[in-house]
């Protein structure tokens, strides 16, 4: 029974070193970023942050526009080829066959 307790408690301790390693690596990366940022003037960092925000806003607007157009196109072709009726913009034509 003591072996079962030891084996069940060993698994969490085996993962702990890896988690600690990852945590330290994340902290190191954050500190490196802060060190590089401290070399740049404050005004430069402010303008860079605003430029990134504008770039993200532009991409969001583009993707939103594409999504709206895809939805409109899907609605237009949704009933295409169905016998219930014509799609928008079409009219019925009666043809006499002899």
C-alpha atoms as a PDB file:
ATOM      1  CA  UNK A   1       0.000   0.000   0.000  1.00  0.00           C
ATOM      2  CA  UNK A   2       2.856   2.379   0.717  1.00  0.00           C
ATOM      3  CA  UNK A   3       4.141   1.685  -2.814  1.00  0.00           C
ATOM      4  CA  UNK A   4       0.796   2.814  -4.239  1.00  0.00           C
ATOM      5  CA  UNK A   5       1.003   6.077  -2.295  1.00  0.00           C
ATOM      6  CA  UNK A   6       4.568   6.676  -3.428  1.00  0.00           C
ATOM      7  CA  UNK A   7       3.762   6.010  -7.071  1.00  0.00           C
ATOM      8  CA  UNK A   8       0.690   8.255  -6.999  1.00  0.00           C
ATOM      9  CA  UNK A   9       2.620  11.085  -5.346  1.00  0.00           C
ATOM     10  CA  UNK A  10       5.589  10.806  -7.706  1.00  0.00           C
ATOM     11  CA  UNK A  11       3.665  11.829 -10.810  1.00  0.00           C
ATOM     12  CA  UNK A  12       2.849  15.384  -9.661  1.00  0.00           C
ATOM     13  CA  UNK A  13       6.439  15.930  -8.475  1.00  0.00           C
ATOM     14  CA  UNK A  14       7.771  14.738 -11.829  1.00  0.00           C
ATOM     15  CA  UNK A  15       5.696  17.365 -13.633  1.00  0.00           C
ATOM     16  CA  UNK A  16       6.619  20.124 -11.185  1.00  0.00           C
ATOM     17  CA  UNK A  17      10.215  20.582 -12.467  1.00  0.00           C
ATOM     18  CA  UNK A  18       8.942  21.002 -16.021  1.00  0.00           C
ATOM     19  CA  UNK A  19       6.318  23.525 -14.913  1.00  0.00           C
ATOM     20  CA  UNK A  20       8.937  25.436 -12.928  1.00  0.00           C
ATOM     21  CA  UNK A  21      11.275  25.414 -15.931  1.00  0.00           C
ATOM     22  CA  UNK A  22       8.550  26.803 -18.214  1.00  0.00           C
ATOM     23  CA  UNK A  23       7.672  29.474 -15.642  1.00  0.00           C
ATOM     24  CA  UNK A  24      11.310  30.581 -15.401  1.00  0.00           C
ATOM     25  CA  UNK A  25      11.624  30.667 -19.203  1.00  0.00           C
ATOM     26  CA  UNK A  26       8.505  32.826 -19.470  1.00  0.00           C
ATOM     27  CA  UNK A  27       9.868  35.203 -16.848  1.00  0.00           C
ATOM     28  CA  UNK A  28      13.205  35.366 -18.651  1.00  0.00           C
ATOM     29  CA  UNK A  29      11.492  36.205 -21.928  1.00  0.00           C
ATOM     30  CA  UNK A  30       9.389  38.920 -20.270  1.00  0.00           C
ATOM     31  CA  UNK A  31      12.472  40.467 -18.666  1.00  0.00           C
ATOM     32  CA  UNK A  32      14.330  40.365 -21.981  1.00  0.00           C
ATOM     33  CA  UNK A  33      11.447  42.204 -23.624  1.00  0.00           C
ATOM     34  CA  UNK A  34      11.490  44.819 -20.873  1.00  0.00           C
ATOM     35  CA  UNK A  35      15.247  45.244 -21.290  1.00  0.00           C
ATOM     36  CA  UNK A  36      14.936  45.840 -25.027  1.00  0.00           C
ATOM     37  CA  UNK A  37      11.988  48.199 -24.500  1.00  0.00           C
ATOM     38  CA  UNK A  38      13.993  50.225 -21.982  1.00  0.00           C
ATOM     39  CA  UNK A  39      16.557  50.981 -24.698  1.00  0.00           C
ATOM     40  CA  UNK A  40      13.917  52.664 -26.866  1.00  0.00           C
ATOM     41  CA  UNK A  41      12.556  56.159 -26.203  1.00  0.00           C
ATOM     42  CA  UNK A  42       9.095  56.372 -24.621  1.00  0.00           C
ATOM     43  CA  UNK A  43       7.633  58.280 -27.586  1.00  0.00           C
ATOM     44  CA  UNK A  44       8.850  55.596 -29.995  1.00  0.00           C
ATOM     45  CA  UNK A  45       7.176  52.879 -27.916  1.00  0.00           C
ATOM     46  CA  UNK A  46       3.931  54.874 -27.747  1.00  0.00           C
ATOM     47  CA  UNK A  47       3.811  55.348 -31.519  1.00  0.00           C
ATOM     48  CA  UNK A  48       4.722  51.707 -32.096  1.00  0.00           C
ATOM     49  CA  UNK A  49       1.896  50.544 -29.834  1.00  0.00           C
ATOM     50  CA  UNK A  50      -0.594  52.794 -31.621  1.00  0.00           C
ATOM     51  CA  UNK A  51       0.633  51.566 -35.009  1.00  0.00           C
ATOM     52  CA  UNK A  52       0.111  47.959 -33.921  1.00  0.00           C
ATOM     53  CA  UNK A  53      -3.388  48.770 -32.639  1.00  0.00           C
ATOM     54  CA  UNK A  54      -4.279  50.432 -35.949  1.00  0.00           C
ATOM     55  CA  UNK A  55      -2.947  47.466 -37.886  1.00  0.00           C
ATOM     56  CA  UNK A  56      -5.039  45.059 -35.819  1.00  0.00           C
ATOM     57  CA  UNK A  57      -8.114  47.269 -36.261  1.00  0.00           C
ATOM     58  CA  UNK A  58      -7.560  47.268 -40.023  1.00  0.00           C
ATOM     59  CA  UNK A  59      -7.356  43.479 -40.191  1.00  0.00           C
ATOM     60  CA  UNK A  60     -10.484  43.150 -38.050  1.00  0.00           C
ATOM     61  CA  UNK A  61     -12.373  45.491 -40.380  1.00  0.00           C
ATOM     62  CA  UNK A  62     -11.198  43.524 -43.412  1.00  0.00           C
ATOM     63  CA  UNK A  63     -12.234  40.170 -41.949  1.00  0.00           C
ATOM     64  CA  UNK A  64     -15.586  41.587 -40.833  1.00  0.00           C
ATOM     65  CA  UNK A  65     -16.230  42.867 -44.379  1.00  0.00           C
ATOM     66  CA  UNK A  66     -15.300  39.524 -45.897  1.00  0.00           C
ATOM     67  CA  UNK A  67     -17.589  37.718 -43.446  1.00  0.00           C
ATOM     68  CA  UNK A  68     -20.515  39.993 -44.317  1.00  0.00           C
ATOM     69  CA  UNK A  69     -19.988  39.479 -48.060  1.00  0.00           C
ATOM     70  CA  UNK A  70     -19.723  35.697 -47.667  1.00  0.00           C
ATOM     71  CA  UNK A  71     -22.963  35.660 -45.669  1.00  0.00           C
ATOM     72  CA  UNK A  72     -24.715  37.772 -48.340  1.00  0.00           C
ATOM     73  CA  UNK A  73     -23.484  35.479 -51.095  1.00  0.00           C
ATOM     74  CA  UNK A  74     -24.606  32.427 -49.151  1.00  0.00           C
ATOM     75  CA  UNK A  75     -28.082  33.898 -48.755  1.00  0.00           C
ATOM     76  CA  UNK A  76     -28.327  34.657 -52.500  1.00  0.00           C
ATOM     77  CA  UNK A  77     -27.397  31.133 -53.561  1.00  0.00           C
ATOM     78  CA  UNK A  78     -29.166  29.317 -50.732  1.00  0.00           C
ATOM     79  CA  UNK A  79     -32.268  28.517 -52.799  1.00  0.00           C
ATOM     80  CA  UNK A  80     -30.481  28.204 -56.140  1.00  0.00           C
ATOM     81  CA  UNK A  81     -31.913  25.317 -58.174  1.00  0.00           C
ATOM     82  CA  UNK A  82     -34.825  24.633 -55.857  1.00  0.00           C
ATOM     83  CA  UNK A  83     -38.292  24.294 -57.375  1.00  0.00           C
ATOM     84  CA  UNK A  84     -39.879  26.529 -54.711  1.00  0.00           C
ATOM     85  CA  UNK A  85     -39.214  29.657 -56.700  1.00  0.00           C
ATOM     86  CA  UNK A  86     -36.672  31.792 -58.488  1.00  0.00           C
ATOM     87  CA  UNK A  87     -33.790  33.443 -56.733  1.00  0.00           C
ATOM     88  CA  UNK A  88     -33.821  37.189 -56.244  1.00  0.00           C
ATOM     89  CA  UNK A  89     -33.699  39.187 -59.470  1.00  0.00           C
ATOM     90  CA  UNK A  90     -35.081  36.465 -61.714  1.00  0.00           C
ATOM     91  CA  UNK A  91     -38.545  36.333 -63.241  1.00  0.00           C
ATOM     92  CA  UNK A  92     -40.588  33.466 -64.618  1.00  0.00           C
ATOM     93  CA  UNK A  93     -41.048  33.130 -68.329  1.00  0.00           C
ATOM     94  CA  UNK A  94     -43.874  31.096 -69.827  1.00  0.00           C
ATOM     95  CA  UNK A  95     -42.963  29.204 -72.981  1.00  0.00           C
ATOM     96  CA  UNK A  96     -45.600  27.653 -75.260  1.00  0.00           C
ATOM     97  CA  UNK A  97     -44.503  24.389 -76.850  1.00  0.00           C
ATOM     98  CA  UNK A  98     -46.380  23.042 -79.848  1.00  0.00           C
END
